[in-house]
Amino acid sequence: MPGTLREELDQVEREIGIYIEFDEEEKDRFNRESCLWTAEERIEWQETQSDNAQRLRELSELRDILRRRLGL
């Protein structure tokens, strides 16, 4: 766990970047491969996308809170 608010904000921003990068890669993969997927694979992909979007929203909210606490 980071020791300061700034370190925590930096960590959250890194995580947001990772989720955004993953999302872009997954959308590219969907465009390339989804025509070969079963219905179950498509549903699983959609559920994963939904979970990732929820986590990204949570991280964004945390980032906003940390920025306010830091006066940014």
Protein backbone atom coordinates (compact mmCIF):
# COMPACT_ATOMS: atom_id res chain seq x y z
CA MET A 1 0.00 0.00 0.00
CA PRO A 2 1.39 3.39 -0.92
CA GLY A 3 2.51 5.58 1.97
CA THR A 4 1.26 8.99 0.87
CA LEU A 5 -1.77 10.32 -0.94
CA ARG A 6 0.45 11.22 -3.90
CA GLU A 7 1.80 7.67 -4.10
CA GLU A 8 -1.72 6.29 -3.86
CA LEU A 9 -2.88 8.62 -6.64
CA ASP A 10 0.05 7.57 -8.81
CA GLN A 11 -0.81 3.90 -8.26
CA VAL A 12 -4.49 4.48 -9.11
CA GLU A 13 -3.51 6.34 -12.27
CA ARG A 14 -1.23 3.45 -13.30
CA GLU A 15 -4.08 1.00 -12.75
CA ILE A 16 -6.43 3.15 -14.82
CA GLY A 17 -3.88 3.12 -17.64
CA ILE A 18 -3.61 -0.66 -17.45
CA TYR A 19 -7.40 -1.09 -17.61
CA ILE A 20 -7.68 1.31 -20.55
CA GLU A 21 -4.90 -0.49 -22.43
CA PHE A 22 -6.50 -3.87 -21.72
CA ASP A 23 -9.88 -2.57 -22.90
CA GLU A 24 -8.43 -1.36 -26.20
CA GLU A 25 -6.65 -4.68 -26.76
CA GLU A 26 -9.81 -6.63 -25.98
CA LYS A 27 -11.89 -4.55 -28.38
CA ASP A 28 -9.30 -5.16 -31.11
CA ARG A 29 -9.40 -8.89 -30.32
CA PHE A 30 -13.20 -8.85 -30.47
CA ASN A 31 -13.09 -7.21 -33.91
CA ARG A 32 -10.60 -9.81 -35.17
CA GLU A 33 -11.94 -12.99 -33.61
CA SER A 34 -15.55 -12.67 -32.50
CA CYS A 35 -16.95 -14.14 -35.70
CA LEU A 36 -15.36 -17.45 -34.62
CA TRP A 37 -16.68 -17.40 -31.05
CA THR A 38 -19.53 -19.41 -29.64
CA ALA A 39 -22.46 -17.67 -27.97
CA GLU A 40 -21.03 -18.62 -24.59
CA GLU A 41 -17.67 -17.02 -25.45
CA ARG A 42 -19.42 -13.83 -26.52
CA ILE A 43 -21.39 -13.70 -23.28
CA GLU A 44 -18.23 -14.29 -21.26
CA TRP A 45 -16.47 -11.51 -23.15
CA GLN A 46 -19.37 -9.13 -22.49
CA GLU A 47 -19.36 -10.00 -18.79
CA THR A 48 -15.63 -9.39 -18.58
CA GLN A 49 -16.03 -6.06 -20.37
CA SER A 50 -18.77 -5.08 -17.93
CA ASP A 51 -16.65 -6.04 -14.91
CA ASN A 52 -13.68 -4.10 -16.28
CA ALA A 53 -15.83 -1.04 -16.96
CA GLN A 54 -17.15 -1.16 -13.40
CA ARG A 55 -13.61 -1.38 -11.98
CA LEU A 56 -12.52 1.52 -14.20
CA ARG A 57 -15.42 3.62 -12.87
CA GLU A 58 -14.40 2.76 -9.29
CA LEU A 59 -10.78 3.70 -9.96
CA SER A 60 -11.84 6.95 -11.62
CA GLU A 61 -13.95 7.85 -8.59
CA LEU A 62 -11.04 7.04 -6.28
CA ARG A 63 -8.72 9.16 -8.43
CA ASP A 64 -11.14 12.09 -8.17
CA ILE A 65 -11.32 11.74 -4.37
CA LEU A 66 -7.54 11.60 -4.07
CA ARG A 67 -7.12 14.62 -6.33
CA ARG A 68 -9.57 16.62 -4.22
CA ARG A 69 -7.75 15.60 -1.02
CA LEU A 70 -4.48 16.72 -2.58
CA GLY A 71 -6.00 19.99 -3.76
CA LEU A 72 -5.45 19.22 -7.44
